[in-house]
Amino acid sequence: MIKKELIYREILFQVIEKKNNALTQAGLSKKLKVSLSTVNNALKPLDRMNAIKIEKMNFKVVDARKLLYYWACERKLEKDVVWGARVNMSVVDIEKEMPDGVVFTSYSAYKFNFNGAEADYSEVYVYGNADKIKKRFAKRVIEGPPNLFVLKMANEPDYGKTATIANIFVDLWNAKEWYARNFLEELEIKIKEIAR
């Protein structure tokens, strides 16, 4: 994930999950350990599209939906895949066998956050240490299209065992599986309910 995506994720985490729509550039810079100029450059397109309103001492998110869709369109999920493999196990077993420290995203994260999946799914996406995960599943790898995708994890704030709701959304938006749409449609509804 590139630096501006870390910024978008944190802004949306604050708005959707923490109900905080007023943030400071300095606060983001400090929390994410990025330069103030990186934060300011990431905010420019959001200001142009009226997703945020920059004020004297802070900025306010005025249209989180615009920001969410902008990030979804900018996200390049495939560039973050550091390892993918076909693992001869069920999705549930793959999820159970994950080493500590991984962060689930996409279908698994949706299931864990909302106590169920909107459709059957056969792929697991996680942010984590590829070497640890390869080692854990090495004896179960077989030929075939990948059903386990490990995404590069940057040094970042700890949001828990699942990605943020916005991060789940943008990863689903960029997932290639046909059933991602079912998850996206339901997640849009849930985001509206949460963000009220």
C-alpha atoms as a PDB file:
ATOM      1  CA  MET A   1       0.000   0.000   0.000  1.00  0.00           C
ATOM      2  CA  ILE A   2       1.458   3.337  -0.972  1.00  0.00           C
ATOM      3  CA  LYS A   3       1.666   6.207   1.523  1.00  0.00           C
ATOM      4  CA  LYS A   4      -1.367   8.111   0.281  1.00  0.00           C
ATOM      5  CA  GLU A   5      -3.441   4.959   0.723  1.00  0.00           C
ATOM      6  CA  LEU A   6      -2.332   4.726   4.353  1.00  0.00           C
ATOM      7  CA  ILE A   7      -3.575   8.298   4.737  1.00  0.00           C
ATOM      8  CA  TYR A   8      -6.934   7.555   3.088  1.00  0.00           C
ATOM      9  CA  ARG A   9      -7.365   4.452   5.213  1.00  0.00           C
ATOM     10  CA  GLU A  10      -6.723   6.370   8.443  1.00  0.00           C
ATOM     11  CA  ILE A  11      -9.080   9.205   7.469  1.00  0.00           C
ATOM     12  CA  LEU A  12     -11.861   6.741   6.646  1.00  0.00           C
ATOM     13  CA  PHE A  13     -11.173   4.735   9.810  1.00  0.00           C
ATOM     14  CA  GLN A  14     -11.627   7.918  11.832  1.00  0.00           C
ATOM     15  CA  VAL A  15     -14.833   8.872  10.002  1.00  0.00           C
ATOM     16  CA  ILE A  16     -16.543   5.474   9.689  1.00  0.00           C
ATOM     17  CA  GLU A  17     -15.409   3.640  12.799  1.00  0.00           C
ATOM     18  CA  LYS A  18     -14.540   6.446  15.226  1.00  0.00           C
ATOM     19  CA  LYS A  19     -17.184   8.979  14.082  1.00  0.00           C
ATOM     20  CA  ASN A  20     -14.528  11.695  13.887  1.00  0.00           C
ATOM     21  CA  ASN A  21     -14.660  13.836  10.757  1.00  0.00           C
ATOM     22  CA  ALA A  22     -12.242  16.586  11.868  1.00  0.00           C
ATOM     23  CA  LEU A  23      -8.556  15.739  11.537  1.00  0.00           C
ATOM     24  CA  THR A  24      -5.263  17.563  11.276  1.00  0.00           C
ATOM     25  CA  GLN A  25      -2.514  17.118   8.736  1.00  0.00           C
ATOM     26  CA  ALA A  26       0.064  17.146  11.550  1.00  0.00           C
ATOM     27  CA  GLY A  27      -1.840  14.448  13.429  1.00  0.00           C
ATOM     28  CA  LEU A  28      -1.906  12.178  10.368  1.00  0.00           C
ATOM     29  CA  SER A  29       1.767  12.851   9.674  1.00  0.00           C
ATOM     30  CA  LYS A  30       2.750  11.902  13.215  1.00  0.00           C
ATOM     31  CA  LYS A  31       0.528   8.826  13.518  1.00  0.00           C
ATOM     32  CA  LEU A  32       1.456   7.367  10.125  1.00  0.00           C
ATOM     33  CA  LYS A  33       5.109   8.464  10.237  1.00  0.00           C
ATOM     34  CA  VAL A  34       4.925  10.221   6.874  1.00  0.00           C
ATOM     35  CA  SER A  35       5.987  13.732   5.975  1.00  0.00           C
ATOM     36  CA  LEU A  36       3.588  16.646   6.167  1.00  0.00           C
ATOM     37  CA  SER A  37       4.092  17.236   2.433  1.00  0.00           C
ATOM     38  CA  THR A  38       2.990  13.634   1.729  1.00  0.00           C
ATOM     39  CA  VAL A  39      -0.189  14.257   3.732  1.00  0.00           C
ATOM     40  CA  ASN A  40      -0.833  17.577   1.972  1.00  0.00           C
ATOM     41  CA  ASN A  41      -0.309  16.008  -1.468  1.00  0.00           C
ATOM     42  CA  ALA A  42      -2.693  13.153  -0.610  1.00  0.00           C
ATOM     43  CA  LEU A  43      -5.345  15.674   0.462  1.00  0.00           C
ATOM     44  CA  LYS A  44      -5.182  17.820  -2.705  1.00  0.00           C
ATOM     45  CA  PRO A  45      -7.407  15.603  -4.896  1.00  0.00           C
ATOM     46  CA  LEU A  46      -9.845  15.170  -2.000  1.00  0.00           C
ATOM     47  CA  ASP A  47     -10.115  18.943  -1.648  1.00  0.00           C
ATOM     48  CA  ARG A  48     -10.606  19.368  -5.413  1.00  0.00           C
ATOM     49  CA  MET A  49     -13.487  16.878  -5.453  1.00  0.00           C
ATOM     50  CA  ASN A  50     -15.055  18.418  -2.326  1.00  0.00           C
ATOM     51  CA  ALA A  51     -14.658  15.260  -0.245  1.00  0.00           C
ATOM     52  CA  ILE A  52     -12.891  17.341   2.414  1.00  0.00           C
ATOM     53  CA  LYS A  53     -12.903  20.982   3.441  1.00  0.00           C
ATOM     54  CA  ILE A  54      -9.528  22.354   4.472  1.00  0.00           C
ATOM     55  CA  GLU A  55      -9.797  24.887   7.284  1.00  0.00           C
ATOM     56  CA  LYS A  56      -7.257  26.999   9.129  1.00  0.00           C
ATOM     57  CA  MET A  57      -6.258  24.478  11.826  1.00  0.00           C
ATOM     58  CA  ASN A  58      -7.617  21.202  10.438  1.00  0.00           C
ATOM     59  CA  PHE A  59      -9.695  19.650   7.714  1.00  0.00           C
ATOM     60  CA  LYS A  60     -13.141  18.109   7.800  1.00  0.00           C
ATOM     61  CA  VAL A  61     -14.435  15.180   5.815  1.00  0.00           C
ATOM     62  CA  VAL A  62     -17.640  16.356   4.174  1.00  0.00           C
ATOM     63  CA  ASP A  63     -18.209  13.395   1.829  1.00  0.00           C
ATOM     64  CA  ALA A  64     -16.672  10.144   3.045  1.00  0.00           C
ATOM     65  CA  ARG A  65     -18.368   8.240   0.228  1.00  0.00           C
ATOM     66  CA  LYS A  66     -16.434  10.207  -2.403  1.00  0.00           C
ATOM     67  CA  LEU A  67     -13.199   9.486  -0.573  1.00  0.00           C
ATOM     68  CA  LEU A  68     -14.039   5.785  -0.263  1.00  0.00           C
ATOM     69  CA  TYR A  69     -14.776   5.431  -3.986  1.00  0.00           C
ATOM     70  CA  TYR A  70     -11.751   7.491  -4.947  1.00  0.00           C
ATOM     71  CA  TRP A  71      -9.480   5.228  -2.902  1.00  0.00           C
ATOM     72  CA  ALA A  72     -11.195   2.134  -4.327  1.00  0.00           C
ATOM     73  CA  CYS A  73     -10.447   3.345  -7.854  1.00  0.00           C
ATOM     74  CA  GLU A  74      -6.846   4.245  -7.007  1.00  0.00           C
ATOM     75  CA  ARG A  75      -6.108   0.964  -5.184  1.00  0.00           C
ATOM     76  CA  LYS A  76      -3.942  -1.567  -7.022  1.00  0.00           C
ATOM     77  CA  LEU A  77      -4.486  -4.714  -4.966  1.00  0.00           C
ATOM     78  CA  GLU A  78      -2.477  -6.976  -7.270  1.00  0.00           C
ATOM     79  CA  LYS A  79       0.653  -4.858  -6.709  1.00  0.00           C
ATOM     80  CA  ASP A  80       0.524  -5.676  -2.991  1.00  0.00           C
ATOM     81  CA  VAL A  81       0.328  -9.454  -3.485  1.00  0.00           C
ATOM     82  CA  VAL A  82       3.675 -10.846  -2.317  1.00  0.00           C
ATOM     83  CA  TRP A  83       2.669 -14.511  -2.406  1.00  0.00           C
ATOM     84  CA  GLY A  84      -0.240 -16.472  -3.771  1.00  0.00           C
ATOM     85  CA  ALA A  85      -0.716 -20.226  -3.770  1.00  0.00           C
ATOM     86  CA  ARG A  86      -3.274 -22.988  -4.026  1.00  0.00           C
ATOM     87  CA  VAL A  87      -3.587 -24.505  -0.570  1.00  0.00           C
ATOM     88  CA  ASN A  88      -5.313 -27.876  -0.320  1.00  0.00           C
ATOM     89  CA  MET A  89      -7.530 -26.862   2.592  1.00  0.00           C
ATOM     90  CA  SER A  90     -10.967 -25.346   3.067  1.00  0.00           C
ATOM     91  CA  VAL A  91     -11.241 -21.594   3.534  1.00  0.00           C
ATOM     92  CA  VAL A  92     -12.263 -22.112   7.168  1.00  0.00           C
ATOM     93  CA  ASP A  93      -9.204 -24.281   7.819  1.00  0.00           C
ATOM     94  CA  ILE A  94      -6.883 -21.811   6.077  1.00  0.00           C
ATOM     95  CA  GLU A  95      -8.284 -19.021   8.265  1.00  0.00           C
ATOM     96  CA  LYS A  96      -7.858 -21.123  11.429  1.00  0.00           C
ATOM     97  CA  GLU A  97      -4.256 -22.014  10.577  1.00  0.00           C
ATOM     98  CA  MET A  98      -3.068 -18.446   9.999  1.00  0.00           C
ATOM     99  CA  PRO A  99      -0.087 -17.465  12.148  1.00  0.00           C
ATOM    100  CA  ASP A 100      -0.380 -14.661  14.691  1.00  0.00           C
ATOM    101  CA  GLY A 101       0.097 -11.173  13.344  1.00  0.00           C
ATOM    102  CA  VAL A 102      -1.862 -11.491  10.104  1.00  0.00           C
ATOM    103  CA  VAL A 103      -4.628  -9.044   9.266  1.00  0.00           C
ATOM    104  CA  PHE A 104      -7.570 -10.515   7.386  1.00  0.00           C
ATOM    105  CA  THR A 105      -9.161  -8.531   4.585  1.00  0.00           C
ATOM    106  CA  SER A 106     -11.782  -9.037   1.853  1.00  0.00           C
ATOM    107  CA  TYR A 107     -14.141 -11.999   2.368  1.00  0.00           C
ATOM    108  CA  SER A 108     -12.688 -13.335   5.628  1.00  0.00           C
ATOM    109  CA  ALA A 109     -12.615  -9.874   7.218  1.00  0.00           C
ATOM    110  CA  TYR A 110     -16.205  -9.269   6.168  1.00  0.00           C
ATOM    111  CA  LYS A 111     -17.235 -12.586   7.733  1.00  0.00           C
ATOM    112  CA  PHE A 112     -15.378 -11.877  10.987  1.00  0.00           C
ATOM    113  CA  ASN A 113     -16.655  -8.295  11.289  1.00  0.00           C
ATOM    114  CA  PHE A 114     -20.283  -8.981  10.428  1.00  0.00           C
ATOM    115  CA  ASN A 115     -20.759 -12.542  11.742  1.00  0.00           C
ATOM    116  CA  GLY A 116     -21.260 -14.217   8.399  1.00  0.00           C
ATOM    117  CA  ALA A 117     -20.553 -14.062   4.696  1.00  0.00           C
ATOM    118  CA  GLU A 118     -22.863 -12.762   1.986  1.00  0.00           C
ATOM    119  CA  ALA A 119     -21.929 -15.639  -0.310  1.00  0.00           C
ATOM    120  CA  ASP A 120     -19.708 -18.683  -0.314  1.00  0.00           C
ATOM    121  CA  TYR A 121     -16.123 -17.773  -1.067  1.00  0.00           C
ATOM    122  CA  SER A 122     -13.021 -19.783  -1.831  1.00  0.00           C
ATOM    123  CA  GLU A 123     -10.173 -17.281  -1.440  1.00  0.00           C
ATOM    124  CA  VAL A 124      -8.456 -15.918   1.644  1.00  0.00           C
ATOM    125  CA  TYR A 125      -6.686 -12.542   1.533  1.00  0.00           C
ATOM    126  CA  VAL A 126      -4.417 -11.494   4.392  1.00  0.00           C
ATOM    127  CA  TYR A 127      -1.836  -8.819   5.118  1.00  0.00           C
ATOM    128  CA  GLY A 128       1.143 -10.445   6.752  1.00  0.00           C
ATOM    129  CA  ASN A 129       4.632 -11.885   6.697  1.00  0.00           C
ATOM    130  CA  ALA A 130       4.831 -14.001   3.535  1.00  0.00           C
ATOM    131  CA  ASP A 131       7.736 -16.107   4.829  1.00  0.00           C
ATOM    132  CA  LYS A 132       5.835 -17.132   7.971  1.00  0.00           C
ATOM    133  CA  ILE A 133       2.714 -17.937   5.979  1.00  0.00           C
ATOM    134  CA  LYS A 134       4.620 -19.906   3.310  1.00  0.00           C
ATOM    135  CA  LYS A 135       6.239 -21.946   6.054  1.00  0.00           C
ATOM    136  CA  ARG A 136       2.896 -22.607   7.734  1.00  0.00           C
ATOM    137  CA  PHE A 137       1.228 -23.873   4.541  1.00  0.00           C
ATOM    138  CA  ALA A 138       4.232 -25.306   2.619  1.00  0.00           C
ATOM    139  CA  LYS A 139       3.123 -28.942   2.890  1.00  0.00           C
ATOM    140  CA  ARG A 140      -0.395 -28.144   1.678  1.00  0.00           C
ATOM    141  CA  VAL A 141       0.465 -26.200  -1.510  1.00  0.00           C
ATOM    142  CA  ILE A 142      -0.743 -27.872  -4.718  1.00  0.00           C
ATOM    143  CA  GLU A 143      -0.974 -26.964  -8.413  1.00  0.00           C
ATOM    144  CA  GLY A 144      -3.846 -24.725  -9.436  1.00  0.00           C
ATOM    145  CA  PRO A 145      -5.144 -21.191  -9.222  1.00  0.00           C
ATOM    146  CA  PRO A 146      -4.295 -19.488  -5.911  1.00  0.00           C
ATOM    147  CA  ASN A 147      -6.831 -19.498  -3.103  1.00  0.00           C
ATOM    148  CA  LEU A 148      -4.535 -17.817  -0.568  1.00  0.00           C
ATOM    149  CA  PHE A 149      -3.164 -14.339  -1.211  1.00  0.00           C
ATOM    150  CA  VAL A 150      -0.660 -12.664   1.082  1.00  0.00           C
ATOM    151  CA  LEU A 151      -0.508  -8.886   0.779  1.00  0.00           C
ATOM    152  CA  LYS A 152       2.443  -6.740   1.771  1.00  0.00           C
ATOM    153  CA  MET A 153       2.048  -5.342   5.255  1.00  0.00           C
ATOM    154  CA  ALA A 154       3.654  -1.980   5.942  1.00  0.00           C
ATOM    155  CA  ASN A 155       4.617  -0.717   9.380  1.00  0.00           C
ATOM    156  CA  GLU A 156       1.325   0.811  10.288  1.00  0.00           C
ATOM    157  CA  PRO A 157      -1.111   1.395  13.128  1.00  0.00           C
ATOM    158  CA  ASP A 158      -2.636  -1.727  14.637  1.00  0.00           C
ATOM    159  CA  TYR A 159      -6.292  -1.830  13.666  1.00  0.00           C
ATOM    160  CA  GLY A 160      -6.757  -5.388  14.936  1.00  0.00           C
ATOM    161  CA  LYS A 161      -7.050  -8.823  13.348  1.00  0.00           C
ATOM    162  CA  THR A 162      -9.132  -7.516  10.456  1.00  0.00           C
ATOM    163  CA  ALA A 163      -8.541  -4.603   8.141  1.00  0.00           C
ATOM    164  CA  THR A 164     -10.534  -1.423   8.646  1.00  0.00           C
ATOM    165  CA  ILE A 165     -14.014  -1.388   7.142  1.00  0.00           C
ATOM    166  CA  ALA A 166     -12.897   1.014   4.409  1.00  0.00           C
ATOM    167  CA  ASN A 167      -9.850  -1.154   3.664  1.00  0.00           C
ATOM    168  CA  ILE A 168     -12.093  -4.221   3.366  1.00  0.00           C
ATOM    169  CA  PHE A 169     -14.301  -2.277   0.948  1.00  0.00           C
ATOM    170  CA  VAL A 170     -11.467  -1.183  -1.347  1.00  0.00           C
ATOM    171  CA  ASP A 171      -9.894  -4.645  -1.330  1.00  0.00           C
ATOM    172  CA  LEU A 172     -13.245  -6.203  -2.260  1.00  0.00           C
ATOM    173  CA  TRP A 173     -13.684  -3.541  -4.947  1.00  0.00           C
ATOM    174  CA  ASN A 174     -10.408  -4.704  -6.485  1.00  0.00           C
ATOM    175  CA  ALA A 175     -10.935  -8.456  -6.002  1.00  0.00           C
ATOM    176  CA  LYS A 176     -11.344 -10.390  -9.245  1.00  0.00           C
ATOM    177  CA  GLU A 177     -13.828 -13.000  -8.004  1.00  0.00           C
ATOM    178  CA  TRP A 178     -17.378 -12.594  -9.332  1.00  0.00           C
ATOM    179  CA  TYR A 179     -18.955 -12.842  -5.876  1.00  0.00           C
ATOM    180  CA  ALA A 180     -17.028  -9.818  -4.581  1.00  0.00           C
ATOM    181  CA  ARG A 181     -19.961  -7.776  -5.872  1.00  0.00           C
ATOM    182  CA  ASN A 182     -22.355  -9.455  -3.394  1.00  0.00           C
ATOM    183  CA  PHE A 183     -20.060  -8.546  -0.517  1.00  0.00           C
ATOM    184  CA  LEU A 184     -19.611  -4.982  -1.807  1.00  0.00           C
ATOM    185  CA  GLU A 185     -23.324  -4.328  -2.104  1.00  0.00           C
ATOM    186  CA  GLU A 186     -23.949  -5.486   1.459  1.00  0.00           C
ATOM    187  CA  LEU A 187     -20.913  -3.660   2.794  1.00  0.00           C
ATOM    188  CA  GLU A 188     -22.142  -0.390   1.258  1.00  0.00           C
ATOM    189  CA  ILE A 189     -25.375  -0.780   3.223  1.00  0.00           C
ATOM    190  CA  LYS A 190     -23.497  -1.590   6.426  1.00  0.00           C
ATOM    191  CA  ILE A 191     -21.181   1.419   5.991  1.00  0.00           C
ATOM    192  CA  LYS A 192     -24.202   3.715   5.650  1.00  0.00           C
ATOM    193  CA  GLU A 193     -25.653   2.255   8.862  1.00  0.00           C
ATOM    194  CA  ILE A 194     -22.352   2.497  10.763  1.00  0.00           C
ATOM    195  CA  ALA A 195     -21.517   6.014   9.570  1.00  0.00           C
ATOM    196  CA  ARG A 196     -24.832   7.512  10.693  1.00  0.00           C
END
